[in-house]
PDB file of all heavy atoms in Angstrom:
ATOM      1  N   LEU A   1      10.380   6.677   4.491  1.00  0.00           N
ATOM      2  CA  LEU A   1       8.928   6.541   4.394  1.00  0.00           C
ATOM      3  C   LEU A   1       8.470   5.462   5.365  1.00  0.00           C
ATOM      4  O   LEU A   1       9.019   4.360   5.387  1.00  0.00           O
ATOM      5  CB  LEU A   1       8.517   6.152   2.976  1.00  0.00           C
ATOM      6  CG  LEU A   1       7.020   5.888   2.770  1.00  0.00           C
ATOM      7  CD1 LEU A   1       6.224   7.193   2.876  1.00  0.00           C
ATOM      8  CD2 LEU A   1       6.765   5.221   1.420  1.00  0.00           C
ATOM      9  N   GLU A   2       7.482   5.804   6.178  1.00  0.00           N
ATOM     10  CA  GLU A   2       6.919   4.839   7.131  1.00  0.00           C
ATOM     11  C   GLU A   2       5.404   4.874   7.019  1.00  0.00           C
ATOM     12  O   GLU A   2       4.788   5.940   7.167  1.00  0.00           O
ATOM     13  CB  GLU A   2       7.351   5.179   8.551  1.00  0.00           C
ATOM     14  CG  GLU A   2       6.855   4.201   9.596  1.00  0.00           C
ATOM     15  CD  GLU A   2       7.304   4.577  10.998  1.00  0.00           C
ATOM     16  OE1 GLU A   2       7.825   5.695  11.181  1.00  0.00           O
ATOM     17  OE2 GLU A   2       7.126   3.750  11.908  1.00  0.00           O
ATOM     18  N   VAL A   3       4.809   3.739   6.729  1.00  0.00           N
ATOM     19  CA  VAL A   3       3.358   3.618   6.574  1.00  0.00           C
ATOM     20  C   VAL A   3       2.860   2.653   7.635  1.00  0.00           C
ATOM     21  O   VAL A   3       3.382   1.540   7.771  1.00  0.00           O
ATOM     22  CB  VAL A   3       2.999   3.095   5.161  1.00  0.00           C
ATOM     23  CG1 VAL A   3       1.501   2.843   5.046  1.00  0.00           C
ATOM     24  CG2 VAL A   3       3.465   4.083   4.096  1.00  0.00           C
ATOM     25  N   ARG A   4       1.856   3.065   8.379  1.00  0.00           N
ATOM     26  CA  ARG A   4       1.310   2.223   9.446  1.00  0.00           C
ATOM     27  C   ARG A   4      -0.221   2.193   9.360  1.00  0.00           C
ATOM     28  O   ARG A   4      -0.875   3.235   9.307  1.00  0.00           O
ATOM     29  CB  ARG A   4       1.729   2.765  10.824  1.00  0.00           C
ATOM     30  CG  ARG A   4       3.234   2.653  11.079  1.00  0.00           C
ATOM     31  CD  ARG A   4       3.656   1.219  11.327  1.00  0.00           C
ATOM     32  NE  ARG A   4       5.099   1.081  11.540  1.00  0.00           N
ATOM     33  CZ  ARG A   4       5.957   0.670  10.614  1.00  0.00           C
ATOM     34  NH1 ARG A   4       5.527   0.370   9.388  1.00  0.00           N
ATOM     35  NH2 ARG A   4       7.249   0.565  10.885  1.00  0.00           N
ATOM     36  N   GLY A   5      -0.756   0.973   9.339  1.00  0.00           N
ATOM     37  CA  GLY A   5      -2.209   0.793   9.377  1.00  0.00           C
ATOM     38  C   GLY A   5      -2.938   1.421   8.208  1.00  0.00           C
ATOM     39  O   GLY A   5      -4.086   1.873   8.366  1.00  0.00           O
ATOM     40  N   LEU A   6      -2.332   1.410   7.018  1.00  0.00           N
ATOM     41  CA  LEU A   6      -2.939   2.070   5.861  1.00  0.00           C
ATOM     42  C   LEU A   6      -4.148   1.286   5.355  1.00  0.00           C
ATOM     43  O   LEU A   6      -4.064   0.087   5.098  1.00  0.00           O
ATOM     44  CB  LEU A   6      -1.908   2.213   4.738  1.00  0.00           C
ATOM     45  CG  LEU A   6      -2.395   2.935   3.476  1.00  0.00           C
ATOM     46  CD1 LEU A   6      -2.678   4.408   3.773  1.00  0.00           C
ATOM     47  CD2 LEU A   6      -1.357   2.816   2.361  1.00  0.00           C
ATOM     48  N   GLU A   7      -5.267   1.985   5.221  1.00  0.00           N
ATOM     49  CA  GLU A   7      -6.476   1.389   4.675  1.00  0.00           C
ATOM     50  C   GLU A   7      -7.053   2.283   3.589  1.00  0.00           C
ATOM     51  O   GLU A   7      -7.033   3.509   3.711  1.00  0.00           O
ATOM     52  CB  GLU A   7      -7.526   1.166   5.762  1.00  0.00           C
ATOM     53  CG  GLU A   7      -7.106   0.166   6.822  1.00  0.00           C
ATOM     54  CD  GLU A   7      -8.296  -0.586   7.428  1.00  0.00           C
ATOM     55  OE1 GLU A   7      -9.439  -0.350   6.981  1.00  0.00           O
ATOM     56  OE2 GLU A   7      -8.066  -1.407   8.327  1.00  0.00           O
ATOM     57  N   VAL A   8      -7.548   1.646   2.528  1.00  0.00           N
ATOM     58  CA  VAL A   8      -8.213   2.355   1.434  1.00  0.00           C
ATOM     59  C   VAL A   8      -9.501   1.622   1.117  1.00  0.00           C
ATOM     60  O   VAL A   8      -9.500   0.390   0.960  1.00  0.00           O
ATOM     61  CB  VAL A   8      -7.327   2.412   0.169  1.00  0.00           C
ATOM     62  CG1 VAL A   8      -8.079   3.087  -0.975  1.00  0.00           C
ATOM     63  CG2 VAL A   8      -6.019   3.146   0.448  1.00  0.00           C
ATOM     64  N   ARG A   9     -10.584   2.365   1.035  1.00  0.00           N
ATOM     65  CA  ARG A   9     -11.876   1.783   0.668  1.00  0.00           C
ATOM     66  C   ARG A   9     -12.438   2.505  -0.553  1.00  0.00           C
ATOM     67  O   ARG A   9     -12.305   3.717  -0.675  1.00  0.00           O
ATOM     68  CB  ARG A   9     -12.878   1.913   1.830  1.00  0.00           C
ATOM     69  CG  ARG A   9     -12.542   1.069   3.054  1.00  0.00           C
ATOM     70  CD  ARG A   9     -13.553   1.304   4.168  1.00  0.00           C
ATOM     71  NE  ARG A   9     -13.251   0.529   5.359  1.00  0.00           N
ATOM     72  CZ  ARG A   9     -13.748  -0.684   5.600  1.00  0.00           C
ATOM     73  NH1 ARG A   9     -14.591  -1.226   4.727  1.00  0.00           N
ATOM     74  NH2 ARG A   9     -13.425  -1.345   6.701  1.00  0.00           N
ATOM     75  N   TYR A  10     -13.050   1.737  -1.419  1.00  0.00           N
ATOM     76  CA  TYR A  10     -13.805   2.285  -2.543  1.00  0.00           C
ATOM     77  C   TYR A  10     -15.252   1.855  -2.345  1.00  0.00           C
ATOM     78  O   TYR A  10     -15.627   0.724  -2.671  1.00  0.00           O
ATOM     79  CB  TYR A  10     -13.275   1.768  -3.877  1.00  0.00           C
ATOM     80  CG  TYR A  10     -11.822   2.102  -4.140  1.00  0.00           C
ATOM     81  CD1 TYR A  10     -10.844   1.118  -4.127  1.00  0.00           C
ATOM     82  CD2 TYR A  10     -11.419   3.418  -4.380  1.00  0.00           C
ATOM     83  CE1 TYR A  10      -9.509   1.419  -4.369  1.00  0.00           C
ATOM     84  CE2 TYR A  10     -10.092   3.735  -4.621  1.00  0.00           C
ATOM     85  CZ  TYR A  10      -9.151   2.724  -4.611  1.00  0.00           C
ATOM     86  OH  TYR A  10      -7.836   3.035  -4.846  1.00  0.00           O
ATOM     87  N   GLY A  11     -16.052   2.734  -1.727  1.00  0.00           N
ATOM     88  CA  GLY A  11     -17.396   2.340  -1.352  1.00  0.00           C
ATOM     89  C   GLY A  11     -17.316   1.251  -0.304  1.00  0.00           C
ATOM     90  O   GLY A  11     -16.672   1.390   0.731  1.00  0.00           O
ATOM     91  N   GLY A  12     -17.936   0.120  -0.597  1.00  0.00           N
ATOM     92  CA  GLY A  12     -17.916  -0.989   0.349  1.00  0.00           C
ATOM     93  C   GLY A  12     -16.746  -1.922   0.178  1.00  0.00           C
ATOM     94  O   GLY A  12     -16.629  -2.909   0.911  1.00  0.00           O
ATOM     95  N   ILE A  13     -15.870  -1.637  -0.788  1.00  0.00           N
ATOM     96  CA  ILE A  13     -14.730  -2.507  -1.067  1.00  0.00           C
ATOM     97  C   ILE A  13     -13.514  -2.031  -0.295  1.00  0.00           C
ATOM     98  O   ILE A  13     -13.108  -0.868  -0.413  1.00  0.00           O
ATOM     99  CB  ILE A  13     -14.416  -2.548  -2.576  1.00  0.00           C
ATOM    100  CG1 ILE A  13     -15.620  -3.073  -3.349  1.00  0.00           C
ATOM    101  CG2 ILE A  13     -13.184  -3.403  -2.852  1.00  0.00           C
ATOM    102  CD1 ILE A  13     -15.462  -2.989  -4.845  1.00  0.00           C
ATOM    103  N   ARG A  14     -12.928  -2.917   0.478  1.00  0.00           N
ATOM    104  CA  ARG A  14     -11.727  -2.604   1.255  1.00  0.00           C
ATOM    105  C   ARG A  14     -10.521  -3.030   0.427  1.00  0.00           C
ATOM    106  O   ARG A  14     -10.132  -4.188   0.394  1.00  0.00           O
ATOM    107  CB  ARG A  14     -11.778  -3.361   2.584  1.00  0.00           C
ATOM    108  CG  ARG A  14     -10.798  -2.887   3.628  1.00  0.00           C
ATOM    109  CD  ARG A  14     -11.063  -3.639   4.912  1.00  0.00           C
ATOM    110  NE  ARG A  14     -10.045  -3.417   5.923  1.00  0.00           N
ATOM    111  CZ  ARG A  14      -9.717  -4.319   6.831  1.00  0.00           C
ATOM    112  NH1 ARG A  14     -10.319  -5.503   6.833  1.00  0.00           N
ATOM    113  NH2 ARG A  14      -8.797  -4.056   7.726  1.00  0.00           N
ATOM    114  N   ALA A  15      -9.913  -2.079  -0.299  1.00  0.00           N
ATOM    115  CA  ALA A  15      -8.851  -2.387  -1.253  1.00  0.00           C
ATOM    116  C   ALA A  15      -7.493  -2.566  -0.594  1.00  0.00           C
ATOM    117  O   ALA A  15      -6.660  -3.335  -1.065  1.00  0.00           O
ATOM    118  CB  ALA A  15      -8.775  -1.293  -2.316  1.00  0.00           C
ATOM    119  N   VAL A  16      -7.234  -1.819   0.471  1.00  0.00           N
ATOM    120  CA  VAL A  16      -5.980  -1.935   1.226  1.00  0.00           C
ATOM    121  C   VAL A  16      -6.354  -2.137   2.685  1.00  0.00           C
ATOM    122  O   VAL A  16      -7.116  -1.355   3.252  1.00  0.00           O
ATOM    123  CB  VAL A  16      -5.096  -0.681   1.051  1.00  0.00           C
ATOM    124  CG1 VAL A  16      -3.821  -0.802   1.876  1.00  0.00           C
ATOM    125  CG2 VAL A  16      -4.762  -0.462  -0.418  1.00  0.00           C
ATOM    126  N   ARG A  17      -5.791  -3.198   3.295  1.00  0.00           N
ATOM    127  CA  ARG A  17      -6.290  -3.673   4.578  1.00  0.00           C
ATOM    128  C   ARG A  17      -5.266  -3.494   5.708  1.00  0.00           C
ATOM    129  O   ARG A  17      -4.660  -4.465   6.167  1.00  0.00           O
ATOM    130  CB  ARG A  17      -6.663  -5.153   4.452  1.00  0.00           C
ATOM    131  CG  ARG A  17      -7.726  -5.430   3.414  1.00  0.00           C
ATOM    132  CD  ARG A  17      -7.848  -6.919   3.102  1.00  0.00           C
ATOM    133  NE  ARG A  17      -8.921  -7.175   2.163  1.00  0.00           N
ATOM    134  CZ  ARG A  17     -10.152  -7.527   2.499  1.00  0.00           C
ATOM    135  NH1 ARG A  17     -10.477  -7.667   3.773  1.00  0.00           N
ATOM    136  NH2 ARG A  17     -11.059  -7.743   1.577  1.00  0.00           N
ATOM    137  N   GLY A  18      -5.040  -2.261   6.085  1.00  0.00           N
ATOM    138  CA  GLY A  18      -4.218  -2.003   7.265  1.00  0.00           C
ATOM    139  C   GLY A  18      -2.766  -2.397   7.131  1.00  0.00           C
ATOM    140  O   GLY A  18      -2.194  -2.981   8.050  1.00  0.00           O
ATOM    141  N   ILE A  19      -2.146  -2.075   5.998  1.00  0.00           N
ATOM    142  CA  ILE A  19      -0.771  -2.529   5.785  1.00  0.00           C
ATOM    143  C   ILE A  19       0.249  -1.616   6.466  1.00  0.00           C
ATOM    144  O   ILE A  19       0.025  -0.429   6.665  1.00  0.00           O
ATOM    145  CB  ILE A  19      -0.436  -2.662   4.289  1.00  0.00           C
ATOM    146  CG1 ILE A  19      -0.385  -1.301   3.606  1.00  0.00           C
ATOM    147  CG2 ILE A  19      -1.420  -3.579   3.579  1.00  0.00           C
ATOM    148  CD1 ILE A  19       0.165  -1.364   2.195  1.00  0.00           C
ATOM    149  N   ASP A  20       1.384  -2.205   6.802  1.00  0.00           N
ATOM    150  CA  ASP A  20       2.540  -1.497   7.337  1.00  0.00           C
ATOM    151  C   ASP A  20       3.702  -1.729   6.377  1.00  0.00           C
ATOM    152  O   ASP A  20       3.929  -2.853   5.939  1.00  0.00           O
ATOM    153  CB  ASP A  20       2.955  -2.040   8.711  1.00  0.00           C
ATOM    154  CG  ASP A  20       1.875  -1.869   9.773  1.00  0.00           C
ATOM    155  OD1 ASP A  20       0.969  -1.039   9.580  1.00  0.00           O
ATOM    156  OD2 ASP A  20       1.950  -2.577  10.793  1.00  0.00           O
ATOM    157  N   LEU A  21       4.409  -0.669   6.052  1.00  0.00           N
ATOM    158  CA  LEU A  21       5.634  -0.822   5.260  1.00  0.00           C
ATOM    159  C   LEU A  21       6.548   0.352   5.537  1.00  0.00           C
ATOM    160  O   LEU A  21       6.115   1.396   6.034  1.00  0.00           O
ATOM    161  CB  LEU A  21       5.332  -0.946   3.767  1.00  0.00           C
ATOM    162  CG  LEU A  21       4.712   0.237   3.007  1.00  0.00           C
ATOM    163  CD1 LEU A  21       5.768   1.233   2.528  1.00  0.00           C
ATOM    164  CD2 LEU A  21       3.925  -0.263   1.809  1.00  0.00           C
ATOM    165  N   GLU A  22       7.830   0.159   5.204  1.00  0.00           N
ATOM    166  CA  GLU A  22       8.782   1.256   5.358  1.00  0.00           C
ATOM    167  C   GLU A  22       9.859   1.162   4.288  1.00  0.00           C
ATOM    168  O   GLU A  22      10.134   0.089   3.754  1.00  0.00           O
ATOM    169  CB  GLU A  22       9.404   1.270   6.748  1.00  0.00           C
ATOM    170  CG  GLU A  22      10.149   0.020   7.140  1.00  0.00           C
ATOM    171  CD  GLU A  22      10.632   0.090   8.591  1.00  0.00           C
ATOM    172  OE1 GLU A  22       9.839   0.462   9.478  1.00  0.00           O
ATOM    173  OE2 GLU A  22      11.819  -0.230   8.814  1.00  0.00           O
ATOM    174  N   VAL A  23      10.414   2.313   3.980  1.00  0.00           N
ATOM    175  CA  VAL A  23      11.484   2.419   2.990  1.00  0.00           C
ATOM    176  C   VAL A  23      12.583   3.267   3.600  1.00  0.00           C
ATOM    177  O   VAL A  23      12.351   4.409   4.005  1.00  0.00           O
ATOM    178  CB  VAL A  23      10.992   3.065   1.676  1.00  0.00           C
ATOM    179  CG1 VAL A  23      12.118   3.102   0.648  1.00  0.00           C
ATOM    180  CG2 VAL A  23       9.783   2.323   1.112  1.00  0.00           C
ATOM    181  N   ALA A  24      13.789   2.717   3.684  1.00  0.00           N
ATOM    182  CA  ALA A  24      14.924   3.459   4.227  1.00  0.00           C
ATOM    183  C   ALA A  24      15.536   4.339   3.147  1.00  0.00           C
ATOM    184  O   ALA A  24      15.433   4.041   1.950  1.00  0.00           O
ATOM    185  CB  ALA A  24      15.968   2.492   4.774  1.00  0.00           C
ATOM    186  N   GLU A  25      16.174   5.400   3.574  1.00  0.00           N
ATOM    187  CA  GLU A  25      16.850   6.285   2.618  1.00  0.00           C
ATOM    188  C   GLU A  25      17.874   5.479   1.816  1.00  0.00           C
ATOM    189  O   GLU A  25      18.664   4.718   2.360  1.00  0.00           O
ATOM    190  CB  GLU A  25      17.544   7.416   3.366  1.00  0.00           C
ATOM    191  CG  GLU A  25      18.183   8.430   2.446  1.00  0.00           C
ATOM    192  CD  GLU A  25      17.708   9.842   2.704  1.00  0.00           C
ATOM    193  OE1 GLU A  25      17.531  10.204   3.881  1.00  0.00           O
ATOM    194  OE2 GLU A  25      17.534  10.587   1.731  1.00  0.00           O
ATOM    195  N   GLY A  26      17.825   5.643   0.490  1.00  0.00           N
ATOM    196  CA  GLY A  26      18.759   4.960  -0.391  1.00  0.00           C
ATOM    197  C   GLY A  26      18.322   3.582  -0.832  1.00  0.00           C
ATOM    198  O   GLY A  26      18.983   2.957  -1.663  1.00  0.00           O
ATOM    199  N   GLU A  27      17.199   3.094  -0.323  1.00  0.00           N
ATOM    200  CA  GLU A  27      16.710   1.770  -0.700  1.00  0.00           C
ATOM    201  C   GLU A  27      15.906   1.807  -1.996  1.00  0.00           C
ATOM    202  O   GLU A  27      15.294   2.809  -2.347  1.00  0.00           O
ATOM    203  CB  GLU A  27      15.804   1.201   0.393  1.00  0.00           C
ATOM    204  CG  GLU A  27      16.496   0.422   1.478  1.00  0.00           C
ATOM    205  CD  GLU A  27      15.514  -0.396   2.293  1.00  0.00           C
ATOM    206  OE1 GLU A  27      14.453   0.126   2.678  1.00  0.00           O
ATOM    207  OE2 GLU A  27      15.821  -1.570   2.561  1.00  0.00           O
ATOM    208  N   LEU A  28      15.862   0.655  -2.658  1.00  0.00           N
ATOM    209  CA  LEU A  28      14.908   0.400  -3.729  1.00  0.00           C
ATOM    210  C   LEU A  28      14.029  -0.744  -3.227  1.00  0.00           C
ATOM    211  O   LEU A  28      14.495  -1.862  -3.041  1.00  0.00           O
ATOM    212  CB  LEU A  28      15.623  -0.007  -5.027  1.00  0.00           C
ATOM    213  CG  LEU A  28      14.806   0.051  -6.333  1.00  0.00           C
ATOM    214  CD1 LEU A  28      15.719  -0.155  -7.538  1.00  0.00           C
ATOM    215  CD2 LEU A  28      13.667  -0.951  -6.383  1.00  0.00           C
ATOM    216  N   VAL A  29      12.773  -0.425  -2.960  1.00  0.00           N
ATOM    217  CA  VAL A  29      11.826  -1.390  -2.408  1.00  0.00           C
ATOM    218  C   VAL A  29      10.708  -1.600  -3.412  1.00  0.00           C
ATOM    219  O   VAL A  29      10.220  -0.635  -4.023  1.00  0.00           O
ATOM    220  CB  VAL A  29      11.248  -0.895  -1.065  1.00  0.00           C
ATOM    221  CG1 VAL A  29      10.163  -1.835  -0.548  1.00  0.00           C
ATOM    222  CG2 VAL A  29      12.364  -0.744  -0.035  1.00  0.00           C
ATOM    223  N   CYS A  30      10.309  -2.849  -3.619  1.00  0.00           N
ATOM    224  CA  CYS A  30       9.246  -3.118  -4.584  1.00  0.00           C
ATOM    225  C   CYS A  30       8.010  -3.693  -3.900  1.00  0.00           C
ATOM    226  O   CYS A  30       8.100  -4.336  -2.845  1.00  0.00           O
ATOM    227  CB  CYS A  30       9.716  -4.050  -5.698  1.00  0.00           C
ATOM    228  SG  CYS A  30      10.052  -5.746  -5.183  1.00  0.00           S
ATOM    229  N   LEU A  31       6.862  -3.434  -4.510  1.00  0.00           N
ATOM    230  CA  LEU A  31       5.593  -4.043  -4.133  1.00  0.00           C
ATOM    231  C   LEU A  31       5.153  -4.900  -5.303  1.00  0.00           C
ATOM    232  O   LEU A  31       5.014  -4.390  -6.423  1.00  0.00           O
ATOM    233  CB  LEU A  31       4.510  -2.982  -3.865  1.00  0.00           C
ATOM    234  CG  LEU A  31       4.735  -1.951  -2.766  1.00  0.00           C
ATOM    235  CD1 LEU A  31       3.542  -1.002  -2.709  1.00  0.00           C
ATOM    236  CD2 LEU A  31       4.929  -2.623  -1.427  1.00  0.00           C
ATOM    237  N   ILE A  32       4.946  -6.187  -5.068  1.00  0.00           N
ATOM    238  CA  ILE A  32       4.470  -7.063  -6.125  1.00  0.00           C
ATOM    239  C   ILE A  32       3.180  -7.728  -5.677  1.00  0.00           C
ATOM    240  O   ILE A  32       2.848  -7.740  -4.495  1.00  0.00           O
ATOM    241  CB  ILE A  32       5.517  -8.127  -6.517  1.00  0.00           C
ATOM    242  CG1 ILE A  32       5.794  -9.082  -5.356  1.00  0.00           C
ATOM    243  CG2 ILE A  32       6.805  -7.470  -7.002  1.00  0.00           C
ATOM    244  CD1 ILE A  32       6.621 -10.292  -5.743  1.00  0.00           C
ATOM    245  N   GLY A  33       2.467  -8.270  -6.655  1.00  0.00           N
ATOM    246  CA  GLY A  33       1.210  -8.931  -6.353  1.00  0.00           C
ATOM    247  C   GLY A  33       0.355  -9.006  -7.597  1.00  0.00           C
ATOM    248  O   GLY A  33       0.651  -8.362  -8.611  1.00  0.00           O
ATOM    249  N   ALA A  34      -0.710  -9.774  -7.535  1.00  0.00           N
ATOM    250  CA  ALA A  34      -1.599  -9.939  -8.681  1.00  0.00           C
ATOM    251  C   ALA A  34      -2.396  -8.657  -8.918  1.00  0.00           C
ATOM    252  O   ALA A  34      -2.416  -7.750  -8.082  1.00  0.00           O
ATOM    253  CB  ALA A  34      -2.542 -11.114  -8.421  1.00  0.00           C
ATOM    254  N   ASN A  35      -3.058  -8.594 -10.066  1.00  0.00           N
ATOM    255  CA  ASN A  35      -3.968  -7.487 -10.337  1.00  0.00           C
ATOM    256  C   ASN A  35      -5.026  -7.426  -9.243  1.00  0.00           C
ATOM    257  O   ASN A  35      -5.571  -8.455  -8.828  1.00  0.00           O
ATOM    258  CB  ASN A  35      -4.670  -7.687 -11.689  1.00  0.00           C
ATOM    259  CG  ASN A  35      -3.766  -7.350 -12.855  1.00  0.00           C
ATOM    260  OD1 ASN A  35      -2.843  -6.556 -12.733  1.00  0.00           O
ATOM    261  ND2 ASN A  35      -4.033  -7.958 -14.002  1.00  0.00           N
ATOM    262  N   GLY A  36      -5.291  -6.202  -8.768  1.00  0.00           N
ATOM    263  CA  GLY A  36      -6.290  -6.036  -7.725  1.00  0.00           C
ATOM    264  C   GLY A  36      -5.801  -6.294  -6.319  1.00  0.00           C
ATOM    265  O   GLY A  36      -6.591  -6.281  -5.370  1.00  0.00           O
ATOM    266  N   ALA A  37      -4.483  -6.506  -6.170  1.00  0.00           N
ATOM    267  CA  ALA A  37      -3.941  -6.793  -4.835  1.00  0.00           C
ATOM    268  C   ALA A  37      -3.852  -5.548  -3.956  1.00  0.00           C
ATOM    269  O   ALA A  37      -3.689  -5.661  -2.745  1.00  0.00           O
ATOM    270  CB  ALA A  37      -2.562  -7.440  -4.957  1.00  0.00           C
ATOM    271  N   GLY A  38      -3.917  -4.359  -4.571  1.00  0.00           N
ATOM    272  CA  GLY A  38      -3.850  -3.121  -3.788  1.00  0.00           C
ATOM    273  C   GLY A  38      -2.569  -2.339  -3.973  1.00  0.00           C
ATOM    274  O   GLY A  38      -2.316  -1.371  -3.250  1.00  0.00           O
ATOM    275  N   LYS A  39      -1.761  -2.725  -4.952  1.00  0.00           N
ATOM    276  CA  LYS A  39      -0.450  -2.083  -5.137  1.00  0.00           C
ATOM    277  C   LYS A  39      -0.593  -0.612  -5.541  1.00  0.00           C
ATOM    278  O   LYS A  39      -0.027   0.283  -4.891  1.00  0.00           O
ATOM    279  CB  LYS A  39       0.361  -2.831  -6.211  1.00  0.00           C
ATOM    280  CG  LYS A  39       0.530  -4.309  -5.948  1.00  0.00           C
ATOM    281  CD  LYS A  39       1.414  -4.987  -6.970  1.00  0.00           C
ATOM    282  CE  LYS A  39       0.953  -4.852  -8.409  1.00  0.00           C
ATOM    283  NZ  LYS A  39      -0.357  -5.504  -8.657  1.00  0.00           N
ATOM    284  N   THR A  40      -1.345  -0.364  -6.610  1.00  0.00           N
ATOM    285  CA  THR A  40      -1.519   1.010  -7.070  1.00  0.00           C
ATOM    286  C   THR A  40      -2.274   1.841  -6.037  1.00  0.00           C
ATOM    287  O   THR A  40      -1.942   3.015  -5.806  1.00  0.00           O
ATOM    288  CB  THR A  40      -2.250   1.028  -8.419  1.00  0.00           C
ATOM    289  OG1 THR A  40      -1.368   0.501  -9.435  1.00  0.00           O
ATOM    290  CG2 THR A  40      -2.656   2.440  -8.822  1.00  0.00           C
ATOM    291  N   SER A  41      -3.266   1.247  -5.393  1.00  0.00           N
ATOM    292  CA  SER A  41      -4.013   1.975  -4.358  1.00  0.00           C
ATOM    293  C   SER A  41      -3.091   2.409  -3.225  1.00  0.00           C
ATOM    294  O   SER A  41      -3.255   3.494  -2.659  1.00  0.00           O
ATOM    295  CB  SER A  41      -5.141   1.098  -3.800  1.00  0.00           C
ATOM    296  OG  SER A  41      -6.148   0.891  -4.772  1.00  0.00           O
ATOM    297  N   THR A  42      -2.098   1.585  -2.917  1.00  0.00           N
ATOM    298  CA  THR A  42      -1.147   1.937  -1.861  1.00  0.00           C
ATOM    299  C   THR A  42      -0.342   3.178  -2.253  1.00  0.00           C
ATOM    300  O   THR A  42      -0.196   4.122  -1.458  1.00  0.00           O
ATOM    301  CB  THR A  42      -0.200   0.755  -1.581  1.00  0.00           C
ATOM    302  OG1 THR A  42      -0.963  -0.351  -1.090  1.00  0.00           O
ATOM    303  CG2 THR A  42       0.858   1.131  -0.557  1.00  0.00           C
ATOM    304  N   LEU A  43       0.179   3.196  -3.474  1.00  0.00           N
ATOM    305  CA  LEU A  43       0.942   4.364  -3.921  1.00  0.00           C
ATOM    306  C   LEU A  43       0.063   5.606  -3.972  1.00  0.00           C
ATOM    307  O   LEU A  43       0.480   6.693  -3.555  1.00  0.00           O
ATOM    308  CB  LEU A  43       1.551   4.110  -5.299  1.00  0.00           C
ATOM    309  CG  LEU A  43       2.717   3.137  -5.413  1.00  0.00           C
ATOM    310  CD1 LEU A  43       3.440   3.347  -6.749  1.00  0.00           C
ATOM    311  CD2 LEU A  43       3.706   3.269  -4.272  1.00  0.00           C
ATOM    312  N   ARG A  44      -1.134   5.454  -4.499  1.00  0.00           N
ATOM    313  CA  ARG A  44      -2.040   6.603  -4.595  1.00  0.00           C
ATOM    314  C   ARG A  44      -2.416   7.122  -3.215  1.00  0.00           C
ATOM    315  O   ARG A  44      -2.568   8.330  -3.015  1.00  0.00           O
ATOM    316  CB  ARG A  44      -3.288   6.220  -5.394  1.00  0.00           C
ATOM    317  CG  ARG A  44      -2.991   6.013  -6.882  1.00  0.00           C
ATOM    318  CD  ARG A  44      -4.212   5.477  -7.636  1.00  0.00           C
ATOM    319  NE  ARG A  44      -5.342   6.384  -7.582  1.00  0.00           N
ATOM    320  CZ  ARG A  44      -5.502   7.442  -8.379  1.00  0.00           C
ATOM    321  NH1 ARG A  44      -4.592   7.717  -9.298  1.00  0.00           N
ATOM    322  NH2 ARG A  44      -6.560   8.221  -8.269  1.00  0.00           N
ATOM    323  N   ALA A  45      -2.543   6.211  -2.252  1.00  0.00           N
ATOM    324  CA  ALA A  45      -2.866   6.636  -0.893  1.00  0.00           C
ATOM    325  C   ALA A  45      -1.709   7.404  -0.268  1.00  0.00           C
ATOM    326  O   ALA A  45      -1.911   8.410   0.421  1.00  0.00           O
ATOM    327  CB  ALA A  45      -3.214   5.414  -0.040  1.00  0.00           C
ATOM    328  N   ILE A  46      -0.481   6.941  -0.508  1.00  0.00           N
ATOM    329  CA  ILE A  46       0.687   7.637   0.028  1.00  0.00           C
ATOM    330  C   ILE A  46       0.717   9.076  -0.471  1.00  0.00           C
ATOM    331  O   ILE A  46       1.070  10.006   0.270  1.00  0.00           O
ATOM    332  CB  ILE A  46       1.976   6.893  -0.358  1.00  0.00           C
ATOM    333  CG1 ILE A  46       2.067   5.564   0.398  1.00  0.00           C
ATOM    334  CG2 ILE A  46       3.221   7.751  -0.076  1.00  0.00           C
ATOM    335  CD1 ILE A  46       3.158   4.640  -0.095  1.00  0.00           C
TER     336      ILE A  46
END
């Protein structure tokens, strides 16, 4: 999985701000952060 420049907006709110991430085959990669950091929005966008 390769994500480049991912952005998510809800109306005027920019929830995900151009993030890049990648996951190699066989890896377990985690996303952590406070509530509202954009974690769930990132998965939903993928």
